[in-house]
Amino acid sequence: MAAIVIRRTIHKWVKDKLNYSKFPKLDPRHVEESAAKGSGPGGQSVNTSSNAVRLKHLPTGVSVRCHDTRSLEKNKKIAWKKLAEAVDVEINGEESVQAQIKRLSSERHKWVKEQRAKKREEKARLKEEAERSDEETEDVEEEKPKGDQ
């Protein structure tokens, strides 16, 4: 299964081109929800409270677990977002929103690199032309006789 990215900075150009038409709308009746005790760093406050959330989408079998915050409600909201994205990846594959973001970001990155290269080449060309015109000006000044001043 593909990795899931929740909070990622997306350029406006990419956001405007995303197609959400196939993004799944999850029915809560098709989702099994359970709370579990947290784990990891944080000591007793983490280990004794049931604030980790696990959601399983029954039709696809996709499951996500969230223990990002100490709040059960916040973890539920985050888990639902993660589940929707995971189901989207499972169902739509290359047409999922995440795949679109990856593809469009790559296209934009290539375009930006091309624009920078064009700008660099134009600068180099202008600099070369300026150096040539300076050399021509120096040659003309050297050819003038000194008595004409």
C-alpha atoms as a PDB file:
ATOM      1  CA  MET A   1       0.000   0.000   0.000  1.00  0.00           C
ATOM      2  CA  ALA A   2       1.264   3.519  -0.797  1.00  0.00           C
ATOM      3  CA  ALA A   3       2.415   5.902   1.902  1.00  0.00           C
ATOM      4  CA  ILE A   4      -0.073   8.508   3.000  1.00  0.00           C
ATOM      5  CA  VAL A   5       0.801  12.180   3.217  1.00  0.00           C
ATOM      6  CA  ILE A   6      -1.582  14.330   5.228  1.00  0.00           C
ATOM      7  CA  ARG A   7      -0.109  17.787   5.709  1.00  0.00           C
ATOM      8  CA  ARG A   8       1.930  18.687   2.709  1.00  0.00           C
ATOM      9  CA  THR A   9       2.427  22.098   1.244  1.00  0.00           C
ATOM     10  CA  ILE A  10       0.903  22.109  -2.211  1.00  0.00           C
ATOM     11  CA  HIS A  11       1.483  24.925  -4.668  1.00  0.00           C
ATOM     12  CA  LYS A  12      -1.633  26.806  -5.768  1.00  0.00           C
ATOM     13  CA  TRP A  13      -0.982  25.854  -9.401  1.00  0.00           C
ATOM     14  CA  VAL A  14      -1.121  22.167  -8.418  1.00  0.00           C
ATOM     15  CA  LYS A  15      -4.200  22.621  -6.187  1.00  0.00           C
ATOM     16  CA  ASP A  16      -6.118  24.281  -9.030  1.00  0.00           C
ATOM     17  CA  LYS A  17      -5.514  21.312 -11.347  1.00  0.00           C
ATOM     18  CA  LEU A  18      -6.517  18.520  -8.936  1.00  0.00           C
ATOM     19  CA  ASN A  19      -9.514  16.388  -9.875  1.00  0.00           C
ATOM     20  CA  TYR A  20     -11.530  15.370  -6.805  1.00  0.00           C
ATOM     21  CA  SER A  21     -14.384  13.824  -8.807  1.00  0.00           C
ATOM     22  CA  LYS A  22     -13.342  10.244  -7.960  1.00  0.00           C
ATOM     23  CA  PHE A  23     -12.463  10.947  -4.316  1.00  0.00           C
ATOM     24  CA  PRO A  24     -14.470   8.479  -2.190  1.00  0.00           C
ATOM     25  CA  LYS A  25     -17.125   9.617   0.251  1.00  0.00           C
ATOM     26  CA  LEU A  26     -16.940   7.285   3.215  1.00  0.00           C
ATOM     27  CA  ASP A  27     -20.108   5.953   4.754  1.00  0.00           C
ATOM     28  CA  PRO A  28     -19.702   5.646   8.552  1.00  0.00           C
ATOM     29  CA  ARG A  29     -21.703   2.381   8.418  1.00  0.00           C
ATOM     30  CA  HIS A  30     -18.864   0.827   6.371  1.00  0.00           C
ATOM     31  CA  VAL A  31     -16.175   1.850   8.847  1.00  0.00           C
ATOM     32  CA  GLU A  32     -15.249  -0.045  11.986  1.00  0.00           C
ATOM     33  CA  GLU A  33     -13.907   2.306  14.666  1.00  0.00           C
ATOM     34  CA  SER A  34     -12.006   1.371  17.796  1.00  0.00           C
ATOM     35  CA  ALA A  35      -9.992   3.195  20.445  1.00  0.00           C
ATOM     36  CA  ALA A  36      -6.847   1.751  22.010  1.00  0.00           C
ATOM     37  CA  LYS A  37      -4.246   2.786  24.512  1.00  0.00           C
ATOM     38  CA  GLY A  38      -1.458   4.857  23.080  1.00  0.00           C
ATOM     39  CA  SER A  39       2.170   3.867  22.910  1.00  0.00           C
ATOM     40  CA  GLY A  40       5.525   5.514  22.421  1.00  0.00           C
ATOM     41  CA  PRO A  41       7.244   8.363  24.232  1.00  0.00           C
ATOM     42  CA  GLY A  42       5.277  10.330  26.804  1.00  0.00           C
ATOM     43  CA  GLY A  43       5.232   8.007  29.762  1.00  0.00           C
ATOM     44  CA  GLN A  44       2.232   7.296  31.926  1.00  0.00           C
ATOM     45  CA  SER A  45      -0.040   9.938  30.390  1.00  0.00           C
ATOM     46  CA  VAL A  46       0.248   8.232  27.001  1.00  0.00           C
ATOM     47  CA  ASN A  47       0.132   4.638  28.154  1.00  0.00           C
ATOM     48  CA  THR A  48      -2.933   4.899  30.411  1.00  0.00           C
ATOM     49  CA  SER A  49      -5.344   6.853  28.207  1.00  0.00           C
ATOM     50  CA  SER A  50      -7.270   5.325  25.313  1.00  0.00           C
ATOM     51  CA  ASN A  51      -6.748   8.045  22.757  1.00  0.00           C
ATOM     52  CA  ALA A  52      -5.302   6.124  19.805  1.00  0.00           C
ATOM     53  CA  VAL A  53      -7.885   5.556  17.067  1.00  0.00           C
ATOM     54  CA  ARG A  54      -8.019   2.689  14.567  1.00  0.00           C
ATOM     55  CA  LEU A  55     -10.392   2.824  11.607  1.00  0.00           C
ATOM     56  CA  LYS A  56     -11.027  -0.020   9.177  1.00  0.00           C
ATOM     57  CA  HIS A  57     -12.926   0.402   5.915  1.00  0.00           C
ATOM     58  CA  LEU A  58     -14.812  -2.880   5.670  1.00  0.00           C
ATOM     59  CA  PRO A  59     -15.475  -3.020   1.883  1.00  0.00           C
ATOM     60  CA  THR A  60     -11.790  -2.530   0.959  1.00  0.00           C
ATOM     61  CA  GLY A  61     -10.102  -3.820   4.116  1.00  0.00           C
ATOM     62  CA  VAL A  62      -7.998  -0.646   4.383  1.00  0.00           C
ATOM     63  CA  SER A  63      -7.020   0.152   7.960  1.00  0.00           C
ATOM     64  CA  VAL A  64      -5.391   3.231   9.532  1.00  0.00           C
ATOM     65  CA  ARG A  65      -4.234   4.036  13.046  1.00  0.00           C
ATOM     66  CA  CYS A  66      -3.802   7.519  14.468  1.00  0.00           C
ATOM     67  CA  HIS A  67      -2.131   8.598  17.682  1.00  0.00           C
ATOM     68  CA  ASP A  68      -0.882  12.061  16.655  1.00  0.00           C
ATOM     69  CA  THR A  69      -2.338  14.022  19.574  1.00  0.00           C
ATOM     70  CA  ARG A  70      -3.473  13.359  23.148  1.00  0.00           C
ATOM     71  CA  SER A  71      -7.080  14.163  22.223  1.00  0.00           C
ATOM     72  CA  LEU A  72      -9.341  11.315  21.106  1.00  0.00           C
ATOM     73  CA  GLU A  73     -11.552  13.671  19.063  1.00  0.00           C
ATOM     74  CA  LYS A  74      -8.626  15.231  17.184  1.00  0.00           C
ATOM     75  CA  ASN A  75      -7.207  11.777  16.504  1.00  0.00           C
ATOM     76  CA  LYS A  76     -10.595  10.681  15.110  1.00  0.00           C
ATOM     77  CA  LYS A  77     -10.681  13.625  12.692  1.00  0.00           C
ATOM     78  CA  ILE A  78      -7.128  12.947  11.554  1.00  0.00           C
ATOM     79  CA  ALA A  79      -7.821   9.210  11.218  1.00  0.00           C
ATOM     80  CA  TRP A  80     -10.900   9.854   9.039  1.00  0.00           C
ATOM     81  CA  LYS A  81      -8.802  12.049   6.709  1.00  0.00           C
ATOM     82  CA  LYS A  82      -6.092   9.394   6.548  1.00  0.00           C
ATOM     83  CA  LEU A  83      -8.663   6.685   5.877  1.00  0.00           C
ATOM     84  CA  ALA A  84     -10.298   8.666   3.062  1.00  0.00           C
ATOM     85  CA  GLU A  85      -6.889   9.184   1.402  1.00  0.00           C
ATOM     86  CA  ALA A  86      -5.929   5.525   1.880  1.00  0.00           C
ATOM     87  CA  VAL A  87      -9.222   4.326   0.372  1.00  0.00           C
ATOM     88  CA  ASP A  88      -8.729   6.775  -2.509  1.00  0.00           C
ATOM     89  CA  VAL A  89      -5.276   5.316  -3.186  1.00  0.00           C
ATOM     90  CA  GLU A  90      -6.653   1.769  -2.930  1.00  0.00           C
ATOM     91  CA  ILE A  91      -9.596   2.365  -5.270  1.00  0.00           C
ATOM     92  CA  ASN A  92      -8.245   4.906  -7.772  1.00  0.00           C
ATOM     93  CA  GLY A  93      -4.540   4.075  -7.846  1.00  0.00           C
ATOM     94  CA  GLU A  94      -2.857   6.351 -10.413  1.00  0.00           C
ATOM     95  CA  GLU A  95      -5.886   8.648 -10.499  1.00  0.00           C
ATOM     96  CA  SER A  96      -5.960   9.159  -6.722  1.00  0.00           C
ATOM     97  CA  VAL A  97      -5.493  12.668  -5.386  1.00  0.00           C
ATOM     98  CA  GLN A  98      -2.060  11.773  -3.966  1.00  0.00           C
ATOM     99  CA  ALA A  99      -0.878  10.402  -7.316  1.00  0.00           C
ATOM    100  CA  GLN A 100      -2.165  13.558  -9.015  1.00  0.00           C
ATOM    101  CA  ILE A 101      -0.311  15.748  -6.510  1.00  0.00           C
ATOM    102  CA  LYS A 102       2.894  13.816  -7.072  1.00  0.00           C
ATOM    103  CA  ARG A 103       2.555  13.953 -10.874  1.00  0.00           C
ATOM    104  CA  LEU A 104       1.580  17.640 -11.034  1.00  0.00           C
ATOM    105  CA  SER A 105       4.271  18.671  -8.547  1.00  0.00           C
ATOM    106  CA  SER A 106       6.840  16.854 -10.666  1.00  0.00           C
ATOM    107  CA  GLU A 107       5.589  18.581 -13.828  1.00  0.00           C
ATOM    108  CA  ARG A 108       5.717  21.973 -12.122  1.00  0.00           C
ATOM    109  CA  HIS A 109       9.224  21.278 -10.808  1.00  0.00           C
ATOM    110  CA  LYS A 110      10.414  20.412 -14.335  1.00  0.00           C
ATOM    111  CA  TRP A 111       8.787  23.550 -15.738  1.00  0.00           C
ATOM    112  CA  VAL A 112      10.431  25.742 -13.081  1.00  0.00           C
ATOM    113  CA  LYS A 113      13.821  24.172 -13.827  1.00  0.00           C
ATOM    114  CA  GLU A 114      13.331  24.843 -17.560  1.00  0.00           C
ATOM    115  CA  GLN A 115      12.397  28.466 -16.866  1.00  0.00           C
ATOM    116  CA  ARG A 116      15.489  28.936 -14.713  1.00  0.00           C
ATOM    117  CA  ALA A 117      17.687  27.408 -17.413  1.00  0.00           C
ATOM    118  CA  LYS A 118      16.178  29.723 -20.071  1.00  0.00           C
ATOM    119  CA  LYS A 119      16.752  32.734 -17.838  1.00  0.00           C
ATOM    120  CA  ARG A 120      20.363  31.656 -17.190  1.00  0.00           C
ATOM    121  CA  GLU A 121      20.995  31.197 -20.922  1.00  0.00           C
ATOM    122  CA  GLU A 122      19.461  34.590 -21.724  1.00  0.00           C
ATOM    123  CA  LYS A 123      21.643  36.260 -19.095  1.00  0.00           C
ATOM    124  CA  ALA A 124      24.751  34.579 -20.482  1.00  0.00           C
ATOM    125  CA  ARG A 125      23.821  35.617 -24.044  1.00  0.00           C
ATOM    126  CA  LEU A 126      23.253  39.244 -23.000  1.00  0.00           C
ATOM    127  CA  LYS A 127      26.527  39.300 -21.083  1.00  0.00           C
ATOM    128  CA  GLU A 128      28.379  37.909 -24.090  1.00  0.00           C
ATOM    129  CA  GLU A 129      26.788  40.516 -26.382  1.00  0.00           C
ATOM    130  CA  ALA A 130      27.723  43.287 -23.953  1.00  0.00           C
ATOM    131  CA  GLU A 131      31.331  42.070 -23.829  1.00  0.00           C
ATOM    132  CA  ARG A 132      31.478  41.926 -27.640  1.00  0.00           C
ATOM    133  CA  SER A 133      30.110  45.456 -27.993  1.00  0.00           C
ATOM    134  CA  ASP A 134      32.634  46.682 -25.386  1.00  0.00           C
ATOM    135  CA  GLU A 135      35.481  45.081 -27.371  1.00  0.00           C
ATOM    136  CA  GLU A 136      34.218  46.673 -30.599  1.00  0.00           C
ATOM    137  CA  THR A 137      34.014  50.080 -28.891  1.00  0.00           C
ATOM    138  CA  GLU A 138      37.593  49.694 -27.628  1.00  0.00           C
ATOM    139  CA  ASP A 139      38.782  48.747 -31.130  1.00  0.00           C
ATOM    140  CA  VAL A 140      37.112  51.835 -32.657  1.00  0.00           C
ATOM    141  CA  GLU A 141      38.652  54.137 -30.012  1.00  0.00           C
ATOM    142  CA  GLU A 142      42.123  52.678 -30.692  1.00  0.00           C
ATOM    143  CA  GLU A 143      41.785  53.375 -34.439  1.00  0.00           C
ATOM    144  CA  LYS A 144      41.079  57.119 -33.946  1.00  0.00           C
ATOM    145  CA  PRO A 145      44.166  59.261 -34.621  1.00  0.00           C
ATOM    146  CA  LYS A 146      45.427  61.112 -31.578  1.00  0.00           C
ATOM    147  CA  GLY A 147      45.553  64.456 -33.356  1.00  0.00           C
ATOM    148  CA  ASP A 148      41.756  64.675 -33.824  1.00  0.00           C
ATOM    149  CA  GLN A 149      41.027  65.522 -30.236  1.00  0.00           C
END
